[in-house]
């Protein structure tokens, strides 16, 4: 998709701080990190959101999810990490290209009330 910022990153038209790349996905540091570690995992194929996946995406989605533990270990997140997939405008999605946020580190904000 020509106007998608993440597609432009995949194409190499926009620079990114890439931490992992394979034939299916690209992983890079978020330019506006919310915590010490904030990575985005995106499929190289343009998929607008989680609401758009179907059975043909099963292997891709499994790959993306399983990759998170490897990325977390490489980032030194031994005590744990958080993953988030915002879906649709009402779900907080800002870039309409499917992506998984991997968050972790010392300043990870609480997710629930204590």
PDB file of N, CA and C in Angstrom:
ATOM      1  N   UNK A   1       0.851  -1.169   0.000  1.00  0.00           N
ATOM      2  CA  UNK A   1       0.000   0.000   0.000  1.00  0.00           C
ATOM      3  C   UNK A   1       0.899   1.235   0.000  1.00  0.00           C
ATOM      4  N   UNK A   2       0.766   2.084  -0.977  1.00  0.00           N
ATOM      5  CA  UNK A   2       1.717   3.164  -1.216  1.00  0.00           C
ATOM      6  C   UNK A   2       1.725   4.247  -0.143  1.00  0.00           C
ATOM      7  N   UNK A   3       0.635   4.494   0.559  1.00  0.00           N
ATOM      8  CA  UNK A   3       0.611   5.553   1.570  1.00  0.00           C
ATOM      9  C   UNK A   3       0.827   5.037   2.989  1.00  0.00           C
ATOM     10  N   UNK A   4       1.094   3.765   3.156  1.00  0.00           N
ATOM     11  CA  UNK A   4       1.298   3.157   4.468  1.00  0.00           C
ATOM     12  C   UNK A   4       2.751   3.354   4.917  1.00  0.00           C
ATOM     13  N   UNK A   5       2.928   4.006   6.063  1.00  0.00           N
ATOM     14  CA  UNK A   5       4.280   4.276   6.566  1.00  0.00           C
ATOM     15  C   UNK A   5       5.055   2.990   6.832  1.00  0.00           C
ATOM     16  N   UNK A   6       4.372   1.947   7.340  1.00  0.00           N
ATOM     17  CA  UNK A   6       5.074   0.695   7.613  1.00  0.00           C
ATOM     18  C   UNK A   6       5.466  -0.010   6.313  1.00  0.00           C
ATOM     19  N   UNK A   7       4.640   0.074   5.290  1.00  0.00           N
ATOM     20  CA  UNK A   7       5.015  -0.490   3.988  1.00  0.00           C
ATOM     21  C   UNK A   7       6.241   0.229   3.429  1.00  0.00           C
ATOM     22  N   UNK A   8       6.329   1.536   3.674  1.00  0.00           N
ATOM     23  CA  UNK A   8       7.488   2.308   3.224  1.00  0.00           C
ATOM     24  C   UNK A   8       8.740   1.903   3.994  1.00  0.00           C
ATOM     25  N   UNK A   9       8.600   1.552   5.267  1.00  0.00           N
ATOM     26  CA  UNK A   9       9.737   1.044   6.035  1.00  0.00           C
ATOM     27  C   UNK A   9      10.174  -0.303   5.485  1.00  0.00           C
ATOM     28  N   UNK A  10       9.225  -1.193   5.202  1.00  0.00           N
ATOM     29  CA  UNK A  10       9.548  -2.503   4.624  1.00  0.00           C
ATOM     30  C   UNK A  10      10.274  -2.333   3.290  1.00  0.00           C
ATOM     31  N   UNK A  11       9.841  -1.374   2.484  1.00  0.00           N
ATOM     32  CA  UNK A  11      10.439  -1.134   1.166  1.00  0.00           C
ATOM     33  C   UNK A  11      11.802  -0.446   1.249  1.00  0.00           C
ATOM     34  N   UNK A  12      12.159   0.059   2.432  1.00  0.00           N
ATOM     35  CA  UNK A  12      13.423   0.758   2.592  1.00  0.00           C
ATOM     36  C   UNK A  12      13.349   2.239   2.244  1.00  0.00           C
ATOM     37  N   UNK A  13      12.150   2.741   2.009  1.00  0.00           N
ATOM     38  CA  UNK A  13      11.973   4.153   1.659  1.00  0.00           C
ATOM     39  C   UNK A  13      12.064   5.067   2.873  1.00  0.00           C
ATOM     40  N   UNK A  14      11.784   4.541   4.053  1.00  0.00           N
ATOM     41  CA  UNK A  14      11.876   5.286   5.307  1.00  0.00           C
ATOM     42  C   UNK A  14      12.809   4.495   6.217  1.00  0.00           C
ATOM     43  N   UNK A  15      13.808   5.145   6.804  1.00  0.00           N
ATOM     44  CA  UNK A  15      14.735   4.412   7.679  1.00  0.00           C
ATOM     45  C   UNK A  15      14.074   4.005   8.993  1.00  0.00           C
ATOM     46  N   UNK A  16      14.587   2.923   9.553  1.00  0.00           N
ATOM     47  CA  UNK A  16      14.122   2.431  10.850  1.00  0.00           C
ATOM     48  C   UNK A  16      15.292   1.749  11.540  1.00  0.00           C
ATOM     49  N   UNK A  17      15.253   1.693  12.850  1.00  0.00           N
ATOM     50  CA  UNK A  17      16.264   1.004  13.640  1.00  0.00           C
ATOM     51  C   UNK A  17      15.837  -0.458  13.747  1.00  0.00           C
ATOM     52  N   UNK A  18      16.225  -1.244  12.754  1.00  0.00           N
ATOM     53  CA  UNK A  18      15.788  -2.637  12.611  1.00  0.00           C
ATOM     54  C   UNK A  18      16.577  -3.541  13.546  1.00  0.00           C
ATOM     55  N   UNK A  19      15.850  -4.384  14.289  1.00  0.00           N
ATOM     56  CA  UNK A  19      16.492  -5.335  15.198  1.00  0.00           C
ATOM     57  C   UNK A  19      16.345  -6.785  14.722  1.00  0.00           C
ATOM     58  N   UNK A  20      15.434  -7.017  13.780  1.00  0.00           N
ATOM     59  CA  UNK A  20      15.239  -8.372  13.234  1.00  0.00           C
ATOM     60  C   UNK A  20      14.536  -8.258  11.892  1.00  0.00           C
ATOM     61  N   UNK A  21      14.955  -9.112  10.972  1.00  0.00           N
ATOM     62  CA  UNK A  21      14.269  -9.209   9.686  1.00  0.00           C
ATOM     63  C   UNK A  21      14.388 -10.632   9.183  1.00  0.00           C
ATOM     64  N   UNK A  22      13.288 -11.131   8.656  1.00  0.00           N
ATOM     65  CA  UNK A  22      13.312 -12.418   7.970  1.00  0.00           C
ATOM     66  C   UNK A  22      12.390 -12.301   6.762  1.00  0.00           C
ATOM     67  N   UNK A  23      12.055 -13.409   6.138  1.00  0.00           N
ATOM     68  CA  UNK A  23      11.242 -13.340   4.919  1.00  0.00           C
ATOM     69  C   UNK A  23       9.795 -12.942   5.168  1.00  0.00           C
ATOM     70  N   UNK A  24       9.331 -13.016   6.426  1.00  0.00           N
ATOM     71  CA  UNK A  24       7.934 -12.734   6.732  1.00  0.00           C
ATOM     72  C   UNK A  24       7.699 -11.413   7.460  1.00  0.00           C
ATOM     73  N   UNK A  25       8.662 -11.015   8.305  1.00  0.00           N
ATOM     74  CA  UNK A  25       8.437  -9.872   9.191  1.00  0.00           C
ATOM     75  C   UNK A  25       9.643  -8.944   9.269  1.00  0.00           C
ATOM     76  N   UNK A  26       9.368  -7.763   9.783  1.00  0.00           N
ATOM     77  CA  UNK A  26      10.393  -6.780  10.099  1.00  0.00           C
ATOM     78  C   UNK A  26      10.116  -6.320  11.529  1.00  0.00           C
ATOM     79  N   UNK A  27      11.168  -6.202  12.335  1.00  0.00           N
ATOM     80  CA  UNK A  27      11.034  -5.746  13.714  1.00  0.00           C
ATOM     81  C   UNK A  27      11.959  -4.549  13.887  1.00  0.00           C
ATOM     82  N   UNK A  28      11.402  -3.461  14.432  1.00  0.00           N
ATOM     83  CA  UNK A  28      12.200  -2.254  14.610  1.00  0.00           C
ATOM     84  C   UNK A  28      11.787  -1.537  15.889  1.00  0.00           C
ATOM     85  N   UNK A  29      12.662  -0.636  16.338  1.00  0.00           N
ATOM     86  CA  UNK A  29      12.394   0.131  17.546  1.00  0.00           C
ATOM     87  C   UNK A  29      11.353   1.208  17.250  1.00  0.00           C
ATOM     88  N   UNK A  30      10.408   1.358  18.155  1.00  0.00           N
ATOM     89  CA  UNK A  30       9.389   2.400  18.027  1.00  0.00           C
ATOM     90  C   UNK A  30      10.069   3.760  18.142  1.00  0.00           C
ATOM     91  N   UNK A  31       9.695   4.713  17.276  1.00  0.00           N
ATOM     92  CA  UNK A  31      10.328   6.033  17.310  1.00  0.00           C
ATOM     93  C   UNK A  31       9.823   6.880  18.483  1.00  0.00           C
ATOM     94  N   UNK A  32       8.736   6.450  19.106  1.00  0.00           N
ATOM     95  CA  UNK A  32       8.200   7.141  20.281  1.00  0.00           C
ATOM     96  C   UNK A  32       7.995   6.109  21.390  1.00  0.00           C
ATOM     97  N   UNK A  33       9.114   5.583  21.939  1.00  0.00           N
ATOM     98  CA  UNK A  33       8.992   4.472  22.895  1.00  0.00           C
ATOM     99  C   UNK A  33       8.248   4.861  24.162  1.00  0.00           C
ATOM    100  N   UNK A  34       7.406   3.947  24.628  1.00  0.00           N
ATOM    101  CA  UNK A  34       6.629   4.152  25.852  1.00  0.00           C
ATOM    102  C   UNK A  34       7.323   3.583  27.075  1.00  0.00           C
ATOM    103  N   UNK A  35       8.399   2.838  26.846  1.00  0.00           N
ATOM    104  CA  UNK A  35       9.156   2.224  27.926  1.00  0.00           C
ATOM    105  C   UNK A  35      10.569   1.948  27.436  1.00  0.00           C
ATOM    106  N   UNK A  36      11.397   1.381  28.290  1.00  0.00           N
ATOM    107  CA  UNK A  36      12.805   1.140  27.977  1.00  0.00           C
ATOM    108  C   UNK A  36      12.967   0.329  26.687  1.00  0.00           C
ATOM    109  N   UNK A  37      12.201  -0.729  26.544  1.00  0.00           N
ATOM    110  CA  UNK A  37      12.196  -1.529  25.318  1.00  0.00           C
ATOM    111  C   UNK A  37      10.813  -1.404  24.694  1.00  0.00           C
ATOM    112  N   UNK A  38      10.767  -0.944  23.450  1.00  0.00           N
ATOM    113  CA  UNK A  38       9.498  -0.819  22.726  1.00  0.00           C
ATOM    114  C   UNK A  38       9.776  -1.139  21.263  1.00  0.00           C
ATOM    115  N   UNK A  39       9.472  -2.383  20.891  1.00  0.00           N
ATOM    116  CA  UNK A  39       9.682  -2.853  19.523  1.00  0.00           C
ATOM    117  C   UNK A  39       8.353  -3.044  18.825  1.00  0.00           C
ATOM    118  N   UNK A  40       8.372  -2.923  17.507  1.00  0.00           N
ATOM    119  CA  UNK A  40       7.203  -3.200  16.676  1.00  0.00           C
ATOM    120  C   UNK A  40       7.542  -4.339  15.731  1.00  0.00           C
ATOM    121  N   UNK A  41       6.709  -5.351  15.718  1.00  0.00           N
ATOM    122  CA  UNK A  41       6.836  -6.458  14.771  1.00  0.00           C
ATOM    123  C   UNK A  41       5.728  -6.294  13.744  1.00  0.00           C
ATOM    124  N   UNK A  42       6.121  -6.184  12.470  1.00  0.00           N
ATOM    125  CA  UNK A  42       5.136  -6.005  11.403  1.00  0.00           C
ATOM    126  C   UNK A  42       5.319  -7.074  10.340  1.00  0.00           C
ATOM    127  N   UNK A  43       4.226  -7.523   9.734  1.00  0.00           N
ATOM    128  CA  UNK A  43       4.382  -8.418   8.584  1.00  0.00           C
ATOM    129  C   UNK A  43       4.854  -7.602   7.389  1.00  0.00           C
ATOM    130  N   UNK A  44       5.651  -8.206   6.543  1.00  0.00           N
ATOM    131  CA  UNK A  44       6.077  -7.517   5.324  1.00  0.00           C
ATOM    132  C   UNK A  44       4.900  -7.324   4.376  1.00  0.00           C
ATOM    133  N   UNK A  45       3.964  -8.218   4.442  1.00  0.00           N
ATOM    134  CA  UNK A  45       2.728  -8.121   3.661  1.00  0.00           C
ATOM    135  C   UNK A  45       1.812  -7.109   4.330  1.00  0.00           C
ATOM    136  N   UNK A  46       1.179  -6.248   3.562  1.00  0.00           N
ATOM    137  CA  UNK A  46       0.262  -5.277   4.155  1.00  0.00           C
ATOM    138  C   UNK A  46      -1.036  -5.973   4.566  1.00  0.00           C
ATOM    139  N   UNK A  47      -1.294  -5.937   5.862  1.00  0.00           N
ATOM    140  CA  UNK A  47      -2.558  -6.387   6.444  1.00  0.00           C
ATOM    141  C   UNK A  47      -2.985  -5.234   7.339  1.00  0.00           C
ATOM    142  N   UNK A  48      -4.162  -4.705   7.135  1.00  0.00           N
ATOM    143  CA  UNK A  48      -4.572  -3.491   7.838  1.00  0.00           C
ATOM    144  C   UNK A  48      -4.624  -3.650   9.347  1.00  0.00           C
ATOM    145  N   UNK A  49      -5.195  -4.742   9.827  1.00  0.00           N
ATOM    146  CA  UNK A  49      -5.318  -4.930  11.271  1.00  0.00           C
ATOM    147  C   UNK A  49      -5.600  -6.390  11.591  1.00  0.00           C
ATOM    148  N   UNK A  50      -5.647  -6.688  12.868  1.00  0.00           N
ATOM    149  CA  UNK A  50      -5.977  -8.039  13.320  1.00  0.00           C
ATOM    150  C   UNK A  50      -7.363  -8.452  12.833  1.00  0.00           C
ATOM    151  N   UNK A  51      -8.244  -7.495  12.655  1.00  0.00           N
ATOM    152  CA  UNK A  51      -9.602  -7.775  12.186  1.00  0.00           C
ATOM    153  C   UNK A  51      -9.634  -8.246  10.733  1.00  0.00           C
ATOM    154  N   UNK A  52      -8.532  -8.098  10.021  1.00  0.00           N
ATOM    155  CA  UNK A  52      -8.475  -8.467   8.604  1.00  0.00           C
ATOM    156  C   UNK A  52      -7.843  -9.834   8.349  1.00  0.00           C
ATOM    157  N   UNK A  53      -7.326 -10.495   9.386  1.00  0.00           N
ATOM    158  CA  UNK A  53      -6.670 -11.775   9.138  1.00  0.00           C
ATOM    159  C   UNK A  53      -7.701 -12.873   8.891  1.00  0.00           C
ATOM    160  N   UNK A  54      -7.242 -13.891   8.152  1.00  0.00           N
ATOM    161  CA  UNK A  54      -8.084 -15.048   7.878  1.00  0.00           C
ATOM    162  C   UNK A  54      -7.214 -16.301   7.940  1.00  0.00           C
ATOM    163  N   UNK A  55      -7.752 -17.433   7.549  1.00  0.00           N
ATOM    164  CA  UNK A  55      -7.018 -18.698   7.645  1.00  0.00           C
ATOM    165  C   UNK A  55      -5.706 -18.688   6.872  1.00  0.00           C
ATOM    166  N   UNK A  56      -5.621 -17.893   5.820  1.00  0.00           N
ATOM    167  CA  UNK A  56      -4.389 -17.847   5.033  1.00  0.00           C
ATOM    168  C   UNK A  56      -3.239 -17.201   5.802  1.00  0.00           C
ATOM    169  N   UNK A  57      -3.531 -16.539   6.911  1.00  0.00           N
ATOM    170  CA  UNK A  57      -2.509 -15.862   7.710  1.00  0.00           C
ATOM    171  C   UNK A  57      -2.052 -16.668   8.930  1.00  0.00           C
ATOM    172  N   UNK A  58      -2.527 -17.910   9.064  1.00  0.00           N
ATOM    173  CA  UNK A  58      -2.226 -18.701  10.262  1.00  0.00           C
ATOM    174  C   UNK A  58      -0.729 -18.843  10.521  1.00  0.00           C
ATOM    175  N   UNK A  59       0.048 -19.208   9.510  1.00  0.00           N
ATOM    176  CA  UNK A  59       1.489 -19.394   9.708  1.00  0.00           C
ATOM    177  C   UNK A  59       2.181 -18.077  10.036  1.00  0.00           C
ATOM    178  N   UNK A  60       1.786 -17.014   9.373  1.00  0.00           N
ATOM    179  CA  UNK A  60       2.361 -15.701   9.648  1.00  0.00           C
ATOM    180  C   UNK A  60       2.087 -15.278  11.081  1.00  0.00           C
ATOM    181  N   UNK A  61       0.851 -15.424  11.535  1.00  0.00           N
ATOM    182  CA  UNK A  61       0.503 -15.008  12.892  1.00  0.00           C
ATOM    183  C   UNK A  61       1.236 -15.853  13.934  1.00  0.00           C
ATOM    184  N   UNK A  62       1.336 -17.151  13.707  1.00  0.00           N
ATOM    185  CA  UNK A  62       2.082 -18.009  14.630  1.00  0.00           C
ATOM    186  C   UNK A  62       3.548 -17.574  14.685  1.00  0.00           C
ATOM    187  N   UNK A  63       4.107 -17.266  13.536  1.00  0.00           N
ATOM    188  CA  UNK A  63       5.494 -16.812  13.467  1.00  0.00           C
ATOM    189  C   UNK A  63       5.678 -15.515  14.248  1.00  0.00           C
ATOM    190  N   UNK A  64       4.773 -14.566  14.052  1.00  0.00           N
ATOM    191  CA  UNK A  64       4.875 -13.276  14.734  1.00  0.00           C
ATOM    192  C   UNK A  64       4.779 -13.433  16.253  1.00  0.00           C
ATOM    193  N   UNK A  65       3.841 -14.247  16.714  1.00  0.00           N
ATOM    194  CA  UNK A  65       3.656 -14.442  18.156  1.00  0.00           C
ATOM    195  C   UNK A  65       4.853 -15.178  18.762  1.00  0.00           C
ATOM    196  N   UNK A  66       5.281 -16.251  18.131  1.00  0.00           N
ATOM    197  CA  UNK A  66       6.393 -17.032  18.677  1.00  0.00           C
ATOM    198  C   UNK A  66       7.694 -16.225  18.689  1.00  0.00           C
ATOM    199  N   UNK A  67       7.847 -15.307  17.767  1.00  0.00           N
ATOM    200  CA  UNK A  67       9.050 -14.480  17.691  1.00  0.00           C
ATOM    201  C   UNK A  67       9.190 -13.564  18.907  1.00  0.00           C
ATOM    202  N   UNK A  68       8.096 -13.225  19.548  1.00  0.00           N
ATOM    203  CA  UNK A  68       8.139 -12.275  20.659  1.00  0.00           C
ATOM    204  C   UNK A  68       9.023 -12.753  21.806  1.00  0.00           C
ATOM    205  N   UNK A  69       8.987 -14.027  22.134  1.00  0.00           N
ATOM    206  CA  UNK A  69       9.824 -14.519  23.230  1.00  0.00           C
ATOM    207  C   UNK A  69      11.301 -14.444  22.870  1.00  0.00           C
ATOM    208  N   UNK A  70      11.643 -14.712  21.631  1.00  0.00           N
ATOM    209  CA  UNK A  70      13.032 -14.609  21.182  1.00  0.00           C
ATOM    210  C   UNK A  70      13.504 -13.163  21.247  1.00  0.00           C
ATOM    211  N   UNK A  71      12.669 -12.252  20.766  1.00  0.00           N
ATOM    212  CA  UNK A  71      13.015 -10.832  20.807  1.00  0.00           C
ATOM    213  C   UNK A  71      13.185 -10.359  22.247  1.00  0.00           C
ATOM    214  N   UNK A  72      12.273 -10.779  23.129  1.00  0.00           N
ATOM    215  CA  UNK A  72      12.339 -10.370  24.534  1.00  0.00           C
ATOM    216  C   UNK A  72      13.644 -10.840  25.171  1.00  0.00           C
ATOM    217  N   UNK A  73      14.030 -12.071  24.915  1.00  0.00           N
ATOM    218  CA  UNK A  73      15.283 -12.593  25.467  1.00  0.00           C
ATOM    219  C   UNK A  73      16.468 -11.788  24.962  1.00  0.00           C
ATOM    220  N   UNK A  74      16.482 -11.480  23.676  1.00  0.00           N
ATOM    221  CA  UNK A  74      17.593 -10.710  23.094  1.00  0.00           C
ATOM    222  C   UNK A  74      17.647  -9.287  23.641  1.00  0.00           C
ATOM    223  N   UNK A  75      16.517  -8.783  24.103  1.00  0.00           N
ATOM    224  CA  UNK A  75      16.469  -7.436  24.676  1.00  0.00           C
ATOM    225  C   UNK A  75      16.721  -7.436  26.188  1.00  0.00           C
ATOM    226  N   UNK A  76      16.965  -8.619  26.757  1.00  0.00           N
ATOM    227  CA  UNK A  76      17.270  -8.717  28.183  1.00  0.00           C
ATOM    228  C   UNK A  76      16.057  -8.625  29.087  1.00  0.00           C
ATOM    229  N   UNK A  77      14.905  -9.005  28.586  1.00  0.00           N
ATOM    230  CA  UNK A  77      13.666  -8.905  29.362  1.00  0.00           C
ATOM    231  C   UNK A  77      13.371 -10.212  30.097  1.00  0.00           C
ATOM    232  N   UNK A  78      14.320 -10.656  30.920  1.00  0.00           N
ATOM    233  CA  UNK A  78      14.193 -11.926  31.630  1.00  0.00           C
ATOM    234  C   UNK A  78      13.035 -11.945  32.624  1.00  0.00           C
ATOM    235  N   UNK A  79      12.695 -10.778  33.205  1.00  0.00           N
ATOM    236  CA  UNK A  79      11.648 -10.761  34.224  1.00  0.00           C
ATOM    237  C   UNK A  79      10.241 -10.671  33.645  1.00  0.00           C
ATOM    238  N   UNK A  80      10.137 -10.494  32.330  1.00  0.00           N
ATOM    239  CA  UNK A  80       8.828 -10.461  31.684  1.00  0.00           C
ATOM    240  C   UNK A  80       8.707  -9.340  30.673  1.00  0.00           C
ATOM    241  N   UNK A  81       7.622  -9.387  29.929  1.00  0.00           N
ATOM    242  CA  UNK A  81       7.366  -8.404  28.884  1.00  0.00           C
ATOM    243  C   UNK A  81       5.884  -8.356  28.599  1.00  0.00           C
ATOM    244  N   UNK A  82       5.468  -7.348  27.860  1.00  0.00           N
ATOM    245  CA  UNK A  82       4.067  -7.172  27.479  1.00  0.00           C
ATOM    246  C   UNK A  82       3.985  -7.096  25.959  1.00  0.00           C
ATOM    247  N   UNK A  83       2.935  -7.706  25.404  1.00  0.00           N
ATOM    248  CA  UNK A  83       2.649  -7.561  23.978  1.00  0.00           C
ATOM    249  C   UNK A  83       1.268  -6.939  23.829  1.00  0.00           C
ATOM    250  N   UNK A  84       1.141  -6.073  22.847  1.00  0.00           N
ATOM    251  CA  UNK A  84      -0.132  -5.405  22.588  1.00  0.00           C
ATOM    252  C   UNK A  84      -0.371  -5.371  21.085  1.00  0.00           C
ATOM    253  N   UNK A  85      -1.608  -5.686  20.680  1.00  0.00           N
ATOM    254  CA  UNK A  85      -2.049  -5.489  19.297  1.00  0.00           C
ATOM    255  C   UNK A  85      -3.284  -4.599  19.369  1.00  0.00           C
ATOM    256  N   UNK A  86      -3.130  -3.345  19.005  1.00  0.00           N
ATOM    257  CA  UNK A  86      -4.270  -2.434  18.925  1.00  0.00           C
ATOM    258  C   UNK A  86      -4.985  -2.703  17.610  1.00  0.00           C
ATOM    259  N   UNK A  87      -6.307  -2.800  17.656  1.00  0.00           N
ATOM    260  CA  UNK A  87      -7.075  -3.161  16.463  1.00  0.00           C
ATOM    261  C   UNK A  87      -8.174  -2.141  16.222  1.00  0.00           C
ATOM    262  N   UNK A  88      -8.067  -1.439  15.100  1.00  0.00           N
ATOM    263  CA  UNK A  88      -9.068  -0.447  14.720  1.00  0.00           C
ATOM    264  C   UNK A  88      -8.922   0.843  15.496  1.00  0.00           C
ATOM    265  N   UNK A  89      -9.536   1.872  14.986  1.00  0.00           N
ATOM    266  CA  UNK A  89      -9.471   3.190  15.615  1.00  0.00           C
ATOM    267  C   UNK A  89      -9.967   3.136  17.060  1.00  0.00           C
ATOM    268  N   UNK A  90     -11.066   2.422  17.294  1.00  0.00           N
ATOM    269  CA  UNK A  90     -11.617   2.299  18.635  1.00  0.00           C
ATOM    270  C   UNK A  90     -10.734   1.515  19.584  1.00  0.00           C
ATOM    271  N   UNK A  91      -9.820   0.720  19.039  1.00  0.00           N
ATOM    272  CA  UNK A  91      -8.883  -0.054  19.851  1.00  0.00           C
ATOM    273  C   UNK A  91      -7.539   0.631  20.017  1.00  0.00           C
ATOM    274  N   UNK A  92      -7.442   1.863  19.540  1.00  0.00           N
ATOM    275  CA  UNK A  92      -6.207   2.629  19.710  1.00  0.00           C
ATOM    276  C   UNK A  92      -5.198   2.475  18.592  1.00  0.00           C
ATOM    277  N   UNK A  93      -5.561   1.807  17.502  1.00  0.00           N
ATOM    278  CA  UNK A  93      -4.627   1.639  16.396  1.00  0.00           C
ATOM    279  C   UNK A  93      -4.434   2.976  15.693  1.00  0.00           C
ATOM    280  N   UNK A  94      -3.167   3.367  15.502  1.00  0.00           N
ATOM    281  CA  UNK A  94      -2.844   4.623  14.845  1.00  0.00           C
ATOM    282  C   UNK A  94      -2.286   4.425  13.456  1.00  0.00           C
ATOM    283  N   UNK A  95      -1.508   3.363  13.261  1.00  0.00           N
ATOM    284  CA  UNK A  95      -0.981   3.024  11.934  1.00  0.00           C
ATOM    285  C   UNK A  95      -1.730   1.781  11.480  1.00  0.00           C
ATOM    286  N   UNK A  96      -2.403   1.889  10.350  1.00  0.00           N
ATOM    287  CA  UNK A  96      -3.265   0.800   9.896  1.00  0.00           C
ATOM    288  C   UNK A  96      -2.510  -0.198   9.028  1.00  0.00           C
ATOM    289  N   UNK A  97      -1.562  -0.844   9.693  1.00  0.00           N
ATOM    290  CA  UNK A  97      -0.777  -1.972   9.190  1.00  0.00           C
ATOM    291  C   UNK A  97      -0.574  -2.809  10.450  1.00  0.00           C
ATOM    292  N   UNK A  98      -1.034  -4.036  10.437  1.00  0.00           N
ATOM    293  CA  UNK A  98      -0.946  -4.909  11.602  1.00  0.00           C
ATOM    294  C   UNK A  98       0.437  -4.828  12.250  1.00  0.00           C
ATOM    295  N   UNK A  99       0.486  -4.686  13.566  1.00  0.00           N
ATOM    296  CA  UNK A  99       1.761  -4.693  14.276  1.00  0.00           C
ATOM    297  C   UNK A  99       1.560  -5.119  15.725  1.00  0.00           C
ATOM    298  N   UNK A 100       2.606  -5.745  16.249  1.00  0.00           N
ATOM    299  CA  UNK A 100       2.638  -6.162  17.642  1.00  0.00           C
ATOM    300  C   UNK A 100       3.644  -5.276  18.365  1.00  0.00           C
ATOM    301  N   UNK A 101       3.204  -4.655  19.448  1.00  0.00           N
ATOM    302  CA  UNK A 101       4.106  -3.900  20.313  1.00  0.00           C
ATOM    303  C   UNK A 101       4.704  -4.885  21.312  1.00  0.00           C
ATOM    304  N   UNK A 102       6.011  -4.871  21.459  1.00  0.00           N
ATOM    305  CA  UNK A 102       6.704  -5.615  22.505  1.00  0.00           C
ATOM    306  C   UNK A 102       7.264  -4.572  23.460  1.00  0.00           C
ATOM    307  N   UNK A 103       6.814  -4.621  24.710  1.00  0.00           N
ATOM    308  CA  UNK A 103       7.188  -3.624  25.707  1.00  0.00           C
ATOM    309  C   UNK A 103       7.827  -4.287  26.910  1.00  0.00           C
ATOM    310  N   UNK A 104       8.838  -3.651  27.469  1.00  0.00           N
ATOM    311  CA  UNK A 104       9.447  -4.177  28.671  1.00  0.00           C
ATOM    312  C   UNK A 104      10.515  -3.246  29.204  1.00  0.00           C
ATOM    313  N   UNK A 105      11.013  -3.584  30.371  1.00  0.00           N
ATOM    314  CA  UNK A 105      12.071  -2.796  30.987  1.00  0.00           C
ATOM    315  C   UNK A 105      11.641  -2.201  32.302  1.00  0.00           C
ATOM    316  N   UNK A 106      12.518  -1.417  32.868  1.00  0.00           N
ATOM    317  CA  UNK A 106      12.337  -0.877  34.213  1.00  0.00           C
ATOM    318  C   UNK A 106      11.148   0.055  34.367  1.00  0.00           C
ATOM    319  N   UNK A 107      10.793   0.787  33.346  1.00  0.00           N
ATOM    320  CA  UNK A 107       9.732   1.777  33.495  1.00  0.00           C
ATOM    321  C   UNK A 107       8.433   1.374  32.797  1.00  0.00           C
ATOM    322  N   UNK A 108       8.157   0.087  32.778  1.00  0.00           N
ATOM    323  CA  UNK A 108       6.905  -0.398  32.174  1.00  0.00           C
ATOM    324  C   UNK A 108       5.734   0.005  33.071  1.00  0.00           C
ATOM    325  N   UNK A 109       4.825   0.816  32.562  1.00  0.00           N
ATOM    326  CA  UNK A 109       3.719   1.257  33.409  1.00  0.00           C
ATOM    327  C   UNK A 109       2.775   0.103  33.750  1.00  0.00           C
ATOM    328  N   UNK A 110       2.116   0.232  34.895  1.00  0.00           N
ATOM    329  CA  UNK A 110       1.151  -0.791  35.314  1.00  0.00           C
ATOM    330  C   UNK A 110       0.004  -0.824  34.325  1.00  0.00           C
ATOM    331  N   UNK A 111      -0.541  -1.997  34.109  1.00  0.00           N
ATOM    332  CA  UNK A 111      -1.650  -2.168  33.175  1.00  0.00           C
ATOM    333  C   UNK A 111      -2.981  -2.223  33.916  1.00  0.00           C
ATOM    334  N   UNK A 112      -2.916  -2.623  35.175  1.00  0.00           N
ATOM    335  CA  UNK A 112      -4.131  -2.744  35.968  1.00  0.00           C
ATOM    336  C   UNK A 112      -4.043  -1.867  37.207  1.00  0.00           C
ATOM    337  N   UNK A 113      -5.181  -1.589  37.791  1.00  0.00           N
ATOM    338  CA  UNK A 113      -5.200  -0.822  39.035  1.00  0.00           C
ATOM    339  C   UNK A 113      -4.716  -1.700  40.172  1.00  0.00           C
ATOM    340  N   UNK A 114      -3.949  -1.101  41.050  1.00  0.00           N
ATOM    341  CA  UNK A 114      -3.433  -1.871  42.193  1.00  0.00           C
ATOM    342  C   UNK A 114      -4.021  -1.394  43.472  1.00  0.00           C
TER     343      UNK A 114
END
